[in-house]
PDB file of N, CA and C in Angstrom:
ATOM      1  N   UNK A   1       8.908 -27.937  16.973  1.00  0.00           N
ATOM      2  CA  UNK A   1       8.676 -26.807  17.359  1.00  0.00           C
ATOM      3  C   UNK A   1      10.144 -25.804  17.261  1.00  0.00           C
ATOM      4  N   UNK A   2       9.967 -24.657  16.706  1.00  0.00           N
ATOM      5  CA  UNK A   2      11.113 -23.791  16.504  1.00  0.00           C
ATOM      6  C   UNK A   2      11.601 -23.520  18.050  1.00  0.00           C
ATOM      7  N   UNK A   3      12.942 -22.780  17.994  1.00  0.00           N
ATOM      8  CA  UNK A   3      12.884 -21.984  19.581  1.00  0.00           C
ATOM      9  C   UNK A   3      13.529 -20.839  19.501  1.00  0.00           C
ATOM     10  N   UNK A   4      13.350 -19.793  20.256  1.00  0.00           N
ATOM     11  CA  UNK A   4      13.835 -18.283  20.497  1.00  0.00           C
ATOM     12  C   UNK A   4      15.120 -18.772  21.326  1.00  0.00           C
ATOM     13  N   UNK A   5      16.216 -18.045  21.484  1.00  0.00           N
ATOM     14  CA  UNK A   5      16.741 -17.754  22.590  1.00  0.00           C
ATOM     15  C   UNK A   5      17.123 -16.473  23.452  1.00  0.00           C
ATOM     16  N   UNK A   6      16.399 -16.473  24.082  1.00  0.00           N
ATOM     17  CA  UNK A   6      16.241 -15.408  25.067  1.00  0.00           C
ATOM     18  C   UNK A   6      16.686 -15.101  26.228  1.00  0.00           C
ATOM     19  N   UNK A   7      16.823 -13.598  26.653  1.00  0.00           N
ATOM     20  CA  UNK A   7      17.470 -13.384  27.683  1.00  0.00           C
ATOM     21  C   UNK A   7      16.643 -13.829  28.986  1.00  0.00           C
ATOM     22  N   UNK A   8      17.247 -14.659  30.165  1.00  0.00           N
ATOM     23  CA  UNK A   8      16.457 -15.330  31.498  1.00  0.00           C
ATOM     24  C   UNK A   8      16.076 -14.142  32.181  1.00  0.00           C
ATOM     25  N   UNK A   9      14.832 -14.352  32.817  1.00  0.00           N
ATOM     26  CA  UNK A   9      13.931 -13.634  33.340  1.00  0.00           C
ATOM     27  C   UNK A   9      14.871 -13.284  34.870  1.00  0.00           C
ATOM     28  N   UNK A  10      14.919 -12.161  35.109  1.00  0.00           N
ATOM     29  CA  UNK A  10      15.593 -11.540  35.998  1.00  0.00           C
ATOM     30  C   UNK A  10      15.190 -12.284  37.481  1.00  0.00           C
ATOM     31  N   UNK A  11      15.385 -13.163  38.193  1.00  0.00           N
ATOM     32  CA  UNK A  11      14.557 -13.852  39.352  1.00  0.00           C
ATOM     33  C   UNK A  11      15.690 -14.070  40.217  1.00  0.00           C
ATOM     34  N   UNK A  12      15.540 -14.415  41.623  1.00  0.00           N
ATOM     35  CA  UNK A  12      16.361 -14.911  42.759  1.00  0.00           C
ATOM     36  C   UNK A  12      17.201 -16.118  42.065  1.00  0.00           C
ATOM     37  N   UNK A  13      18.280 -16.167  42.949  1.00  0.00           N
ATOM     38  CA  UNK A  13      19.526 -16.819  42.619  1.00  0.00           C
ATOM     39  C   UNK A  13      19.286 -18.146  42.443  1.00  0.00           C
ATOM     40  N   UNK A  14      18.515 -18.983  42.350  1.00  0.00           N
ATOM     41  CA  UNK A  14      18.330 -20.426  41.942  1.00  0.00           C
ATOM     42  C   UNK A  14      17.983 -20.260  40.585  1.00  0.00           C
ATOM     43  N   UNK A  15      17.975 -19.427  39.460  1.00  0.00           N
ATOM     44  CA  UNK A  15      18.129 -19.688  38.331  1.00  0.00           C
ATOM     45  C   UNK A  15      19.455 -18.757  37.703  1.00  0.00           C
ATOM     46  N   UNK A  16      20.076 -19.195  36.827  1.00  0.00           N
ATOM     47  CA  UNK A  16      21.092 -18.346  36.094  1.00  0.00           C
ATOM     48  C   UNK A  16      21.190 -17.318  35.125  1.00  0.00           C
ATOM     49  N   UNK A  17      21.847 -16.922  35.081  1.00  0.00           N
ATOM     50  CA  UNK A  17      22.224 -15.906  33.837  1.00  0.00           C
ATOM     51  C   UNK A  17      22.134 -15.918  32.518  1.00  0.00           C
ATOM     52  N   UNK A  18      22.262 -17.849  32.166  1.00  0.00           N
ATOM     53  CA  UNK A  18      22.272 -17.838  30.950  1.00  0.00           C
ATOM     54  C   UNK A  18      21.161 -17.795  29.875  1.00  0.00           C
ATOM     55  N   UNK A  19      21.441 -17.520  28.849  1.00  0.00           N
ATOM     56  CA  UNK A  19      20.100 -17.414  27.735  1.00  0.00           C
ATOM     57  C   UNK A  19      19.316 -18.796  27.903  1.00  0.00           C
ATOM     58  N   UNK A  20      18.146 -18.589  27.640  1.00  0.00           N
ATOM     59  CA  UNK A  20      17.645 -20.015  28.052  1.00  0.00           C
ATOM     60  C   UNK A  20      16.863 -19.841  26.419  1.00  0.00           C
ATOM     61  N   UNK A  21      16.367 -21.450  25.891  1.00  0.00           N
ATOM     62  CA  UNK A  21      15.369 -21.565  24.891  1.00  0.00           C
ATOM     63  C   UNK A  21      14.464 -22.067  25.066  1.00  0.00           C
ATOM     64  N   UNK A  22      13.379 -21.029  24.260  1.00  0.00           N
ATOM     65  CA  UNK A  22      12.091 -20.999  24.356  1.00  0.00           C
ATOM     66  C   UNK A  22      11.403 -21.651  22.969  1.00  0.00           C
ATOM     67  N   UNK A  23      10.391 -22.716  23.225  1.00  0.00           N
ATOM     68  CA  UNK A  23       9.963 -23.073  22.334  1.00  0.00           C
ATOM     69  C   UNK A  23       8.691 -21.918  21.979  1.00  0.00           C
ATOM     70  N   UNK A  24       8.800 -22.030  20.851  1.00  0.00           N
ATOM     71  CA  UNK A  24       7.790 -20.746  19.914  1.00  0.00           C
ATOM     72  C   UNK A  24       7.316 -21.287  18.700  1.00  0.00           C
ATOM     73  N   UNK A  25       6.023 -20.752  18.416  1.00  0.00           N
ATOM     74  CA  UNK A  25       5.084 -21.034  17.431  1.00  0.00           C
ATOM     75  C   UNK A  25       6.145 -20.210  16.200  1.00  0.00           C
ATOM     76  N   UNK A  26       6.086 -21.171  14.921  1.00  0.00           N
ATOM     77  CA  UNK A  26       6.893 -20.327  13.942  1.00  0.00           C
ATOM     78  C   UNK A  26       6.503 -18.983  13.263  1.00  0.00           C
ATOM     79  N   UNK A  27       5.300 -18.516  13.133  1.00  0.00           N
ATOM     80  CA  UNK A  27       4.850 -17.165  13.230  1.00  0.00           C
ATOM     81  C   UNK A  27       5.686 -16.267  14.430  1.00  0.00           C
ATOM     82  N   UNK A  28       6.029 -16.404  15.541  1.00  0.00           N
ATOM     83  CA  UNK A  28       6.655 -15.839  16.457  1.00  0.00           C
ATOM     84  C   UNK A  28       8.047 -15.430  16.024  1.00  0.00           C
ATOM     85  N   UNK A  29       8.656 -16.892  15.351  1.00  0.00           N
ATOM     86  CA  UNK A  29      10.439 -16.258  15.035  1.00  0.00           C
ATOM     87  C   UNK A  29      10.277 -15.630  13.368  1.00  0.00           C
ATOM     88  N   UNK A  30       9.077 -15.369  13.017  1.00  0.00           N
ATOM     89  CA  UNK A  30       9.229 -14.843  11.793  1.00  0.00           C
ATOM     90  C   UNK A  30       9.147 -13.072  12.219  1.00  0.00           C
ATOM     91  N   UNK A  31       8.244 -12.930  12.933  1.00  0.00           N
ATOM     92  CA  UNK A  31       8.151 -11.287  13.672  1.00  0.00           C
ATOM     93  C   UNK A  31       9.366 -11.244  14.262  1.00  0.00           C
ATOM     94  N   UNK A  32       9.682 -11.953  15.253  1.00  0.00           N
ATOM     95  CA  UNK A  32      10.914 -11.247  15.913  1.00  0.00           C
ATOM     96  C   UNK A  32      12.015 -10.895  15.059  1.00  0.00           C
ATOM     97  N   UNK A  33      12.308 -11.863  13.876  1.00  0.00           N
ATOM     98  CA  UNK A  33      13.437 -11.566  13.065  1.00  0.00           C
ATOM     99  C   UNK A  33      13.098 -10.303  12.478  1.00  0.00           C
ATOM    100  N   UNK A  34      12.069 -10.210  11.744  1.00  0.00           N
ATOM    101  CA  UNK A  34      11.388  -8.814  11.231  1.00  0.00           C
ATOM    102  C   UNK A  34      11.764  -7.669  12.311  1.00  0.00           C
ATOM    103  N   UNK A  35      11.371  -7.977  13.270  1.00  0.00           N
ATOM    104  CA  UNK A  35      12.162  -6.441  14.353  1.00  0.00           C
ATOM    105  C   UNK A  35      13.212  -6.695  14.755  1.00  0.00           C
ATOM    106  N   UNK A  36      13.983  -7.213  14.729  1.00  0.00           N
ATOM    107  CA  UNK A  36      15.556  -7.537  14.774  1.00  0.00           C
ATOM    108  C   UNK A  36      16.234  -7.198  13.455  1.00  0.00           C
ATOM    109  N   UNK A  37      15.603  -7.706  12.226  1.00  0.00           N
ATOM    110  CA  UNK A  37      16.293  -7.079  10.974  1.00  0.00           C
ATOM    111  C   UNK A  37      16.284  -5.198  10.904  1.00  0.00           C
ATOM    112  N   UNK A  38      14.982  -4.608  11.479  1.00  0.00           N
ATOM    113  CA  UNK A  38      14.517  -3.205  11.228  1.00  0.00           C
ATOM    114  C   UNK A  38      15.645  -2.523  12.110  1.00  0.00           C
ATOM    115  N   UNK A  39      15.756  -3.147  13.271  1.00  0.00           N
ATOM    116  CA  UNK A  39      16.091  -2.046  14.707  1.00  0.00           C
ATOM    117  C   UNK A  39      17.920  -2.429  14.287  1.00  0.00           C
ATOM    118  N   UNK A  40      18.438  -3.286  14.127  1.00  0.00           N
ATOM    119  CA  UNK A  40      20.198  -3.411  14.065  1.00  0.00           C
ATOM    120  C   UNK A  40      20.789  -2.621  13.318  1.00  0.00           C
ATOM    121  N   UNK A  41      20.507  -2.233  12.089  1.00  0.00           N
ATOM    122  CA  UNK A  41      21.435  -1.461  11.764  1.00  0.00           C
ATOM    123  C   UNK A  41      20.825   0.440  11.564  1.00  0.00           C
ATOM    124  N   UNK A  42      20.010   0.582  12.825  1.00  0.00           N
ATOM    125  CA  UNK A  42      19.625   1.615  13.253  1.00  0.00           C
ATOM    126  C   UNK A  42      19.921   2.592  14.235  1.00  0.00           C
ATOM    127  N   UNK A  43      20.757   3.280  14.440  1.00  0.00           N
ATOM    128  CA  UNK A  43      21.358   4.012  15.670  1.00  0.00           C
ATOM    129  C   UNK A  43      20.463   4.011  16.404  1.00  0.00           C
ATOM    130  N   UNK A  44      20.569   4.009  17.600  1.00  0.00           N
ATOM    131  CA  UNK A  44      19.842   4.197  18.721  1.00  0.00           C
ATOM    132  C   UNK A  44      18.706   3.336  19.140  1.00  0.00           C
ATOM    133  N   UNK A  45      18.487   1.850  18.214  1.00  0.00           N
ATOM    134  CA  UNK A  45      17.687   1.395  18.255  1.00  0.00           C
ATOM    135  C   UNK A  45      17.879  -0.123  18.972  1.00  0.00           C
ATOM    136  N   UNK A  46      17.466  -0.334  20.022  1.00  0.00           N
ATOM    137  CA  UNK A  46      17.946  -2.087  20.277  1.00  0.00           C
ATOM    138  C   UNK A  46      16.664  -2.740  20.442  1.00  0.00           C
ATOM    139  N   UNK A  47      16.966  -3.934  20.220  1.00  0.00           N
ATOM    140  CA  UNK A  47      15.529  -4.947  20.305  1.00  0.00           C
ATOM    141  C   UNK A  47      16.054  -6.297  21.042  1.00  0.00           C
ATOM    142  N   UNK A  48      15.692  -6.777  22.109  1.00  0.00           N
ATOM    143  CA  UNK A  48      16.238  -8.014  23.153  1.00  0.00           C
ATOM    144  C   UNK A  48      14.887  -8.679  23.215  1.00  0.00           C
ATOM    145  N   UNK A  49      14.969 -10.095  23.273  1.00  0.00           N
ATOM    146  CA  UNK A  49      14.239 -10.981  23.614  1.00  0.00           C
ATOM    147  C   UNK A  49      14.390 -11.391  24.835  1.00  0.00           C
ATOM    148  N   UNK A  50      13.230 -11.471  26.142  1.00  0.00           N
ATOM    149  CA  UNK A  50      13.183 -11.810  26.899  1.00  0.00           C
ATOM    150  C   UNK A  50      12.631 -13.429  27.706  1.00  0.00           C
ATOM    151  N   UNK A  51      12.657 -13.579  28.197  1.00  0.00           N
ATOM    152  CA  UNK A  51      11.541 -14.861  29.242  1.00  0.00           C
ATOM    153  C   UNK A  51      10.456 -14.247  30.390  1.00  0.00           C
ATOM    154  N   UNK A  52       9.564 -14.718  29.811  1.00  0.00           N
ATOM    155  CA  UNK A  52       8.182 -14.044  30.017  1.00  0.00           C
ATOM    156  C   UNK A  52       8.041 -14.867  31.644  1.00  0.00           C
ATOM    157  N   UNK A  53       7.134 -14.065  32.095  1.00  0.00           N
ATOM    158  CA  UNK A  53       6.580 -14.578  33.449  1.00  0.00           C
ATOM    159  C   UNK A  53       6.303 -16.012  33.498  1.00  0.00           C
ATOM    160  N   UNK A  54       5.840 -16.519  32.974  1.00  0.00           N
ATOM    161  CA  UNK A  54       5.257 -17.944  32.538  1.00  0.00           C
ATOM    162  C   UNK A  54       6.163 -18.901  32.261  1.00  0.00           C
ATOM    163  N   UNK A  55       7.151 -19.615  33.183  1.00  0.00           N
ATOM    164  CA  UNK A  55       8.362 -20.646  33.347  1.00  0.00           C
ATOM    165  C   UNK A  55       7.361 -21.359  32.457  1.00  0.00           C
ATOM    166  N   UNK A  56       8.734 -22.103  31.697  1.00  0.00           N
ATOM    167  CA  UNK A  56       8.313 -23.583  31.290  1.00  0.00           C
ATOM    168  C   UNK A  56       7.290 -23.485  30.159  1.00  0.00           C
ATOM    169  N   UNK A  57       6.594 -22.468  29.450  1.00  0.00           N
ATOM    170  CA  UNK A  57       5.412 -22.688  28.759  1.00  0.00           C
ATOM    171  C   UNK A  57       5.843 -22.080  27.366  1.00  0.00           C
ATOM    172  N   UNK A  58       5.191 -22.677  26.231  1.00  0.00           N
ATOM    173  CA  UNK A  58       5.710 -22.240  24.616  1.00  0.00           C
ATOM    174  C   UNK A  58       5.290 -20.936  24.833  1.00  0.00           C
ATOM    175  N   UNK A  59       5.679 -20.398  23.816  1.00  0.00           N
ATOM    176  CA  UNK A  59       5.502 -18.703  23.704  1.00  0.00           C
ATOM    177  C   UNK A  59       5.247 -17.586  24.426  1.00  0.00           C
ATOM    178  N   UNK A  60       6.402 -17.867  25.711  1.00  0.00           N
ATOM    179  CA  UNK A  60       6.948 -17.294  26.572  1.00  0.00           C
ATOM    180  C   UNK A  60       7.988 -16.170  26.529  1.00  0.00           C
ATOM    181  N   UNK A  61       7.434 -15.579  25.246  1.00  0.00           N
ATOM    182  CA  UNK A  61       9.025 -14.987  25.053  1.00  0.00           C
ATOM    183  C   UNK A  61       8.278 -13.238  25.113  1.00  0.00           C
ATOM    184  N   UNK A  62       8.776 -12.302  25.853  1.00  0.00           N
ATOM    185  CA  UNK A  62       8.643 -10.764  25.957  1.00  0.00           C
ATOM    186  C   UNK A  62       9.570 -10.378  25.061  1.00  0.00           C
ATOM    187  N   UNK A  63       9.316  -9.164  24.129  1.00  0.00           N
ATOM    188  CA  UNK A  63      10.324  -8.663  23.356  1.00  0.00           C
ATOM    189  C   UNK A  63      10.276  -6.989  24.012  1.00  0.00           C
ATOM    190  N   UNK A  64      11.805  -6.241  23.742  1.00  0.00           N
ATOM    191  CA  UNK A  64      11.578  -5.047  24.183  1.00  0.00           C
ATOM    192  C   UNK A  64      12.320  -4.311  23.161  1.00  0.00           C
ATOM    193  N   UNK A  65      11.877  -3.376  22.988  1.00  0.00           N
ATOM    194  CA  UNK A  65      12.531  -2.348  22.094  1.00  0.00           C
ATOM    195  C   UNK A  65      12.625  -0.824  22.872  1.00  0.00           C
ATOM    196  N   UNK A  66      13.831  -0.193  22.798  1.00  0.00           N
ATOM    197  CA  UNK A  66      14.843   0.433  23.310  1.00  0.00           C
ATOM    198  C   UNK A  66      15.059   1.732  22.394  1.00  0.00           C
ATOM    199  N   UNK A  67      14.609   2.610  22.644  1.00  0.00           N
ATOM    200  CA  UNK A  67      15.393   3.914  21.803  1.00  0.00           C
ATOM    201  C   UNK A  67      15.974   4.925  22.646  1.00  0.00           C
ATOM    202  N   UNK A  68      17.593   5.426  22.056  1.00  0.00           N
ATOM    203  CA  UNK A  68      17.819   6.462  23.071  1.00  0.00           C
ATOM    204  C   UNK A  68      18.639   7.333  21.879  1.00  0.00           C
ATOM    205  N   UNK A  69      18.525   8.451  22.247  1.00  0.00           N
ATOM    206  CA  UNK A  69      18.704   9.488  21.453  1.00  0.00           C
ATOM    207  C   UNK A  69      19.340  10.766  22.363  1.00  0.00           C
ATOM    208  N   UNK A  70      20.447  11.285  22.451  1.00  0.00           N
ATOM    209  CA  UNK A  70      20.704  12.361  23.387  1.00  0.00           C
ATOM    210  C   UNK A  70      20.035  12.116  24.633  1.00  0.00           C
ATOM    211  N   UNK A  71      19.136  13.267  25.371  1.00  0.00           N
ATOM    212  CA  UNK A  71      18.448  12.998  26.543  1.00  0.00           C
ATOM    213  C   UNK A  71      17.408  12.300  26.767  1.00  0.00           C
ATOM    214  N   UNK A  72      16.620  11.986  25.502  1.00  0.00           N
ATOM    215  CA  UNK A  72      15.523  11.448  25.268  1.00  0.00           C
ATOM    216  C   UNK A  72      15.470   9.827  25.149  1.00  0.00           C
ATOM    217  N   UNK A  73      14.657   9.215  25.836  1.00  0.00           N
ATOM    218  CA  UNK A  73      14.906   7.747  25.766  1.00  0.00           C
ATOM    219  C   UNK A  73      13.219   6.891  25.884  1.00  0.00           C
ATOM    220  N   UNK A  74      13.006   5.942  24.832  1.00  0.00           N
ATOM    221  CA  UNK A  74      11.389   5.600  25.396  1.00  0.00           C
ATOM    222  C   UNK A  74      11.724   4.036  25.276  1.00  0.00           C
ATOM    223  N   UNK A  75      10.583   3.263  25.941  1.00  0.00           N
ATOM    224  CA  UNK A  75      10.614   1.719  25.552  1.00  0.00           C
ATOM    225  C   UNK A  75       9.448   1.179  25.375  1.00  0.00           C
ATOM    226  N   UNK A  76       9.415  -0.004  24.664  1.00  0.00           N
ATOM    227  CA  UNK A  76       8.471  -0.795  24.830  1.00  0.00           C
ATOM    228  C   UNK A  76       8.525  -2.320  25.176  1.00  0.00           C
ATOM    229  N   UNK A  77       7.685  -2.527  26.057  1.00  0.00           N
ATOM    230  CA  UNK A  77       7.624  -4.086  26.378  1.00  0.00           C
ATOM    231  C   UNK A  77       6.535  -4.855  25.807  1.00  0.00           C
ATOM    232  N   UNK A  78       6.520  -6.089  25.507  1.00  0.00           N
ATOM    233  CA  UNK A  78       5.559  -6.760  25.194  1.00  0.00           C
ATOM    234  C   UNK A  78       5.357  -8.089  24.698  1.00  0.00           C
ATOM    235  N   UNK A  79       4.352  -9.057  25.094  1.00  0.00           N
ATOM    236  CA  UNK A  79       4.552 -10.493  24.825  1.00  0.00           C
ATOM    237  C   UNK A  79       4.238 -10.477  23.306  1.00  0.00           C
ATOM    238  N   UNK A  80       5.118 -11.153  22.811  1.00  0.00           N
ATOM    239  CA  UNK A  80       5.480 -11.519  21.238  1.00  0.00           C
ATOM    240  C   UNK A  80       4.382 -12.540  20.514  1.00  0.00           C
ATOM    241  N   UNK A  81       3.586 -12.867  21.367  1.00  0.00           N
ATOM    242  CA  UNK A  81       2.192 -13.272  20.867  1.00  0.00           C
ATOM    243  C   UNK A  81       1.002 -12.234  20.745  1.00  0.00           C
ATOM    244  N   UNK A  82       1.058 -11.396  21.633  1.00  0.00           N
ATOM    245  CA  UNK A  82       0.267 -10.295  21.410  1.00  0.00           C
ATOM    246  C   UNK A  82       0.415  -9.655  19.727  1.00  0.00           C
ATOM    247  N   UNK A  83       1.826  -9.932  19.500  1.00  0.00           N
ATOM    248  CA  UNK A  83       1.694  -9.241  18.047  1.00  0.00           C
ATOM    249  C   UNK A  83       1.085 -10.098  17.191  1.00  0.00           C
ATOM    250  N   UNK A  84       0.461  -8.989  16.162  1.00  0.00           N
ATOM    251  CA  UNK A  84      -0.309  -9.625  14.871  1.00  0.00           C
ATOM    252  C   UNK A  84       0.597  -9.694  13.735  1.00  0.00           C
ATOM    253  N   UNK A  85       1.068  -8.206  13.322  1.00  0.00           N
ATOM    254  CA  UNK A  85       1.756  -8.191  12.410  1.00  0.00           C
ATOM    255  C   UNK A  85       3.098  -7.192  12.847  1.00  0.00           C
ATOM    256  N   UNK A  86       4.287  -7.242  12.141  1.00  0.00           N
ATOM    257  CA  UNK A  86       5.419  -5.765  11.975  1.00  0.00           C
ATOM    258  C   UNK A  86       5.819  -5.802  10.521  1.00  0.00           C
ATOM    259  N   UNK A  87       5.523  -4.682   9.849  1.00  0.00           N
ATOM    260  CA  UNK A  87       5.683  -4.458   8.837  1.00  0.00           C
ATOM    261  C   UNK A  87       6.572  -2.870   8.440  1.00  0.00           C
ATOM    262  N   UNK A  88       7.553  -3.116   7.483  1.00  0.00           N
ATOM    263  CA  UNK A  88       8.306  -2.103   7.536  1.00  0.00           C
ATOM    264  C   UNK A  88       7.222  -1.012   6.410  1.00  0.00           C
ATOM    265  N   UNK A  89       7.255  -0.268   6.503  1.00  0.00           N
ATOM    266  CA  UNK A  89       6.047   0.694   6.174  1.00  0.00           C
ATOM    267  C   UNK A  89       7.002   1.230   4.569  1.00  0.00           C
ATOM    268  N   UNK A  90       8.607   2.336   5.408  1.00  0.00           N
ATOM    269  CA  UNK A  90       9.389   2.674   3.968  1.00  0.00           C
ATOM    270  C   UNK A  90      11.212   2.419   5.278  1.00  0.00           C
ATOM    271  N   UNK A  91      11.501   3.092   4.528  1.00  0.00           N
ATOM    272  CA  UNK A  91      13.203   2.908   5.060  1.00  0.00           C
ATOM    273  C   UNK A  91      13.235   3.443   6.388  1.00  0.00           C
ATOM    274  N   UNK A  92      12.387   4.398   6.761  1.00  0.00           N
ATOM    275  CA  UNK A  92      12.637   4.990   7.945  1.00  0.00           C
ATOM    276  C   UNK A  92      11.591   4.589   8.982  1.00  0.00           C
ATOM    277  N   UNK A  93      10.479   3.813   8.526  1.00  0.00           N
ATOM    278  CA  UNK A  93       9.344   3.748   9.503  1.00  0.00           C
ATOM    279  C   UNK A  93       8.823   2.338   9.711  1.00  0.00           C
ATOM    280  N   UNK A  94       8.795   1.618  10.723  1.00  0.00           N
ATOM    281  CA  UNK A  94       8.129   0.321  11.037  1.00  0.00           C
ATOM    282  C   UNK A  94       6.751   0.320  11.698  1.00  0.00           C
ATOM    283  N   UNK A  95       5.904  -0.712  11.616  1.00  0.00           N
ATOM    284  CA  UNK A  95       4.738  -0.493  12.279  1.00  0.00           C
ATOM    285  C   UNK A  95       4.740  -1.885  12.858  1.00  0.00           C
ATOM    286  N   UNK A  96       4.176  -1.935  13.836  1.00  0.00           N
ATOM    287  CA  UNK A  96       4.089  -3.306  14.862  1.00  0.00           C
ATOM    288  C   UNK A  96       2.353  -2.998  15.206  1.00  0.00           C
ATOM    289  N   UNK A  97       1.944  -4.005  14.946  1.00  0.00           N
ATOM    290  CA  UNK A  97      -0.023  -4.044  14.927  1.00  0.00           C
ATOM    291  C   UNK A  97      -0.079  -5.243  16.029  1.00  0.00           C
ATOM    292  N   UNK A  98      -0.706  -4.793  17.016  1.00  0.00           N
ATOM    293  CA  UNK A  98      -0.673  -5.644  18.241  1.00  0.00           C
ATOM    294  C   UNK A  98      -2.499  -6.184  18.457  1.00  0.00           C
ATOM    295  N   UNK A  99      -2.959  -7.064  18.849  1.00  0.00           N
ATOM    296  CA  UNK A  99      -4.510  -7.622  18.994  1.00  0.00           C
ATOM    297  C   UNK A  99      -5.699  -7.124  18.398  1.00  0.00           C
ATOM    298  N   UNK A 100      -5.423  -7.020  16.528  1.00  0.00           N
ATOM    299  CA  UNK A 100      -6.242  -6.477  15.904  1.00  0.00           C
ATOM    300  C   UNK A 100      -7.464  -7.570  15.916  1.00  0.00           C
ATOM    301  N   UNK A 101      -8.415  -6.596  16.292  1.00  0.00           N
ATOM    302  CA  UNK A 101     -10.079  -7.342  16.394  1.00  0.00           C
ATOM    303  C   UNK A 101     -11.066  -6.409  15.034  1.00  0.00           C
ATOM    304  N   UNK A 102     -11.457  -6.361  14.451  1.00  0.00           N
ATOM    305  CA  UNK A 102     -12.562  -6.171  13.639  1.00  0.00           C
ATOM    306  C   UNK A 102     -12.096  -4.686  12.693  1.00  0.00           C
ATOM    307  N   UNK A 103     -10.850  -4.656  12.459  1.00  0.00           N
ATOM    308  CA  UNK A 103     -10.246  -3.335  12.313  1.00  0.00           C
ATOM    309  C   UNK A 103      -9.241  -2.295  13.049  1.00  0.00           C
ATOM    310  N   UNK A 104      -9.690  -2.620  14.756  1.00  0.00           N
ATOM    311  CA  UNK A 104      -8.780  -1.765  15.327  1.00  0.00           C
ATOM    312  C   UNK A 104      -8.186  -2.315  16.037  1.00  0.00           C
ATOM    313  N   UNK A 105      -6.810  -1.819  16.441  1.00  0.00           N
ATOM    314  CA  UNK A 105      -6.013  -2.506  17.146  1.00  0.00           C
ATOM    315  C   UNK A 105      -4.974  -1.302  17.697  1.00  0.00           C
ATOM    316  N   UNK A 106      -4.165  -2.010  18.452  1.00  0.00           N
ATOM    317  CA  UNK A 106      -2.943  -1.173  19.318  1.00  0.00           C
ATOM    318  C   UNK A 106      -1.939  -1.144  18.028  1.00  0.00           C
ATOM    319  N   UNK A 107      -1.423   0.285  18.029  1.00  0.00           N
ATOM    320  CA  UNK A 107      -0.156   0.234  17.077  1.00  0.00           C
ATOM    321  C   UNK A 107       0.922   1.081  17.785  1.00  0.00           C
ATOM    322  N   UNK A 108       2.341   0.568  17.593  1.00  0.00           N
ATOM    323  CA  UNK A 108       3.462   1.460  17.770  1.00  0.00           C
ATOM    324  C   UNK A 108       4.186   1.519  16.342  1.00  0.00           C
ATOM    325  N   UNK A 109       4.879   2.692  15.954  1.00  0.00           N
ATOM    326  CA  UNK A 109       4.933   3.009  15.168  1.00  0.00           C
ATOM    327  C   UNK A 109       6.481   3.535  15.428  1.00  0.00           C
ATOM    328  N   UNK A 110       7.464   2.688  15.078  1.00  0.00           N
ATOM    329  CA  UNK A 110       8.556   3.271  15.367  1.00  0.00           C
ATOM    330  C   UNK A 110       9.541   3.786  14.072  1.00  0.00           C
ATOM    331  N   UNK A 111      10.177   4.854  14.346  1.00  0.00           N
ATOM    332  CA  UNK A 111      11.131   5.990  13.312  1.00  0.00           C
ATOM    333  C   UNK A 111      12.210   6.482  13.642  1.00  0.00           C
ATOM    334  N   UNK A 112      12.707   7.324  13.037  1.00  0.00           N
ATOM    335  CA  UNK A 112      14.267   7.256  13.655  1.00  0.00           C
ATOM    336  C   UNK A 112      14.351   8.493  14.512  1.00  0.00           C
ATOM    337  N   UNK A 113      13.480   9.081  14.722  1.00  0.00           N
ATOM    338  CA  UNK A 113      13.146  10.253  16.222  1.00  0.00           C
ATOM    339  C   UNK A 113      12.149   9.386  17.330  1.00  0.00           C
ATOM    340  N   UNK A 114      12.190   7.956  17.359  1.00  0.00           N
ATOM    341  CA  UNK A 114      11.600   7.342  18.674  1.00  0.00           C
ATOM    342  C   UNK A 114      10.118   6.557  18.109  1.00  0.00           C
ATOM    343  N   UNK A 115       9.306   6.418  19.280  1.00  0.00           N
ATOM    344  CA  UNK A 115       8.192   5.273  18.515  1.00  0.00           C
ATOM    345  C   UNK A 115       6.651   6.472  19.398  1.00  0.00           C
ATOM    346  N   UNK A 116       5.820   6.025  18.352  1.00  0.00           N
ATOM    347  CA  UNK A 116       4.326   6.403  18.988  1.00  0.00           C
ATOM    348  C   UNK A 116       3.646   5.579  19.182  1.00  0.00           C
ATOM    349  N   UNK A 117       2.670   5.165  20.021  1.00  0.00           N
ATOM    350  CA  UNK A 117       2.117   4.014  20.399  1.00  0.00           C
ATOM    351  C   UNK A 117       0.828   4.635  20.629  1.00  0.00           C
ATOM    352  N   UNK A 118      -0.317   4.060  19.868  1.00  0.00           N
ATOM    353  CA  UNK A 118      -1.828   4.664  19.846  1.00  0.00           C
ATOM    354  C   UNK A 118      -2.626   3.140  20.550  1.00  0.00           C
ATOM    355  N   UNK A 119      -3.539   3.274  21.125  1.00  0.00           N
ATOM    356  CA  UNK A 119      -3.784   2.203  21.966  1.00  0.00           C
ATOM    357  C   UNK A 119      -4.989   1.983  21.362  1.00  0.00           C
ATOM    358  N   UNK A 120      -5.743   2.997  20.291  1.00  0.00           N
ATOM    359  CA  UNK A 120      -6.777   2.405  19.854  1.00  0.00           C
ATOM    360  C   UNK A 120      -7.173   3.092  18.424  1.00  0.00           C
ATOM    361  N   UNK A 121      -6.452   2.322  17.552  1.00  0.00           N
ATOM    362  CA  UNK A 121      -6.593   2.659  15.923  1.00  0.00           C
ATOM    363  C   UNK A 121      -6.890   1.897  14.899  1.00  0.00           C
ATOM    364  N   UNK A 122      -7.729   2.554  14.386  1.00  0.00           N
ATOM    365  CA  UNK A 122      -8.505   2.050  13.186  1.00  0.00           C
ATOM    366  C   UNK A 122      -7.813   1.799  12.093  1.00  0.00           C
ATOM    367  N   UNK A 123      -7.590   0.849  11.628  1.00  0.00           N
ATOM    368  CA  UNK A 123      -6.689   0.292  10.532  1.00  0.00           C
ATOM    369  C   UNK A 123      -6.817   1.006   9.098  1.00  0.00           C
ATOM    370  N   UNK A 124      -6.371   1.745   8.560  1.00  0.00           N
ATOM    371  CA  UNK A 124      -7.117   2.406   7.482  1.00  0.00           C
ATOM    372  C   UNK A 124      -5.888   1.982   6.205  1.00  0.00           C
ATOM    373  N   UNK A 125      -4.887   1.167   6.429  1.00  0.00           N
ATOM    374  CA  UNK A 125      -3.945   0.493   5.591  1.00  0.00           C
ATOM    375  C   UNK A 125      -3.547  -1.314   6.018  1.00  0.00           C
ATOM    376  N   UNK A 126      -3.307  -1.576   4.849  1.00  0.00           N
ATOM    377  CA  UNK A 126      -3.192  -3.190   5.183  1.00  0.00           C
ATOM    378  C   UNK A 126      -1.671  -3.399   5.086  1.00  0.00           C
TER     379      UNK A 126
END
């Protein structure tokens, strides 16, 4: 099973601050890599992976996207296994699709100016 190296969950002193290896499904490594590839070259965007709250369990990874520009900042934190798709729509826009059921999903659209979250999106594109 593949692994992702993530930041340890901040907990009391019995756990170290060293990165930890979490076993994950192959699909989650692909999704994490797609988000990282999109965010890394864009000024203002940062993507980090963190250990989830369910210690010693496979797929226990949370992703955090942070956008900061001037006085505005926004963030989105989610369990990686909630994510169904991560698609680059064009050079300046990236779409995250969460928990899609029967064509209805939660979405986050990442752009050069920040992010938009829609909790009840009817998917009209593929």
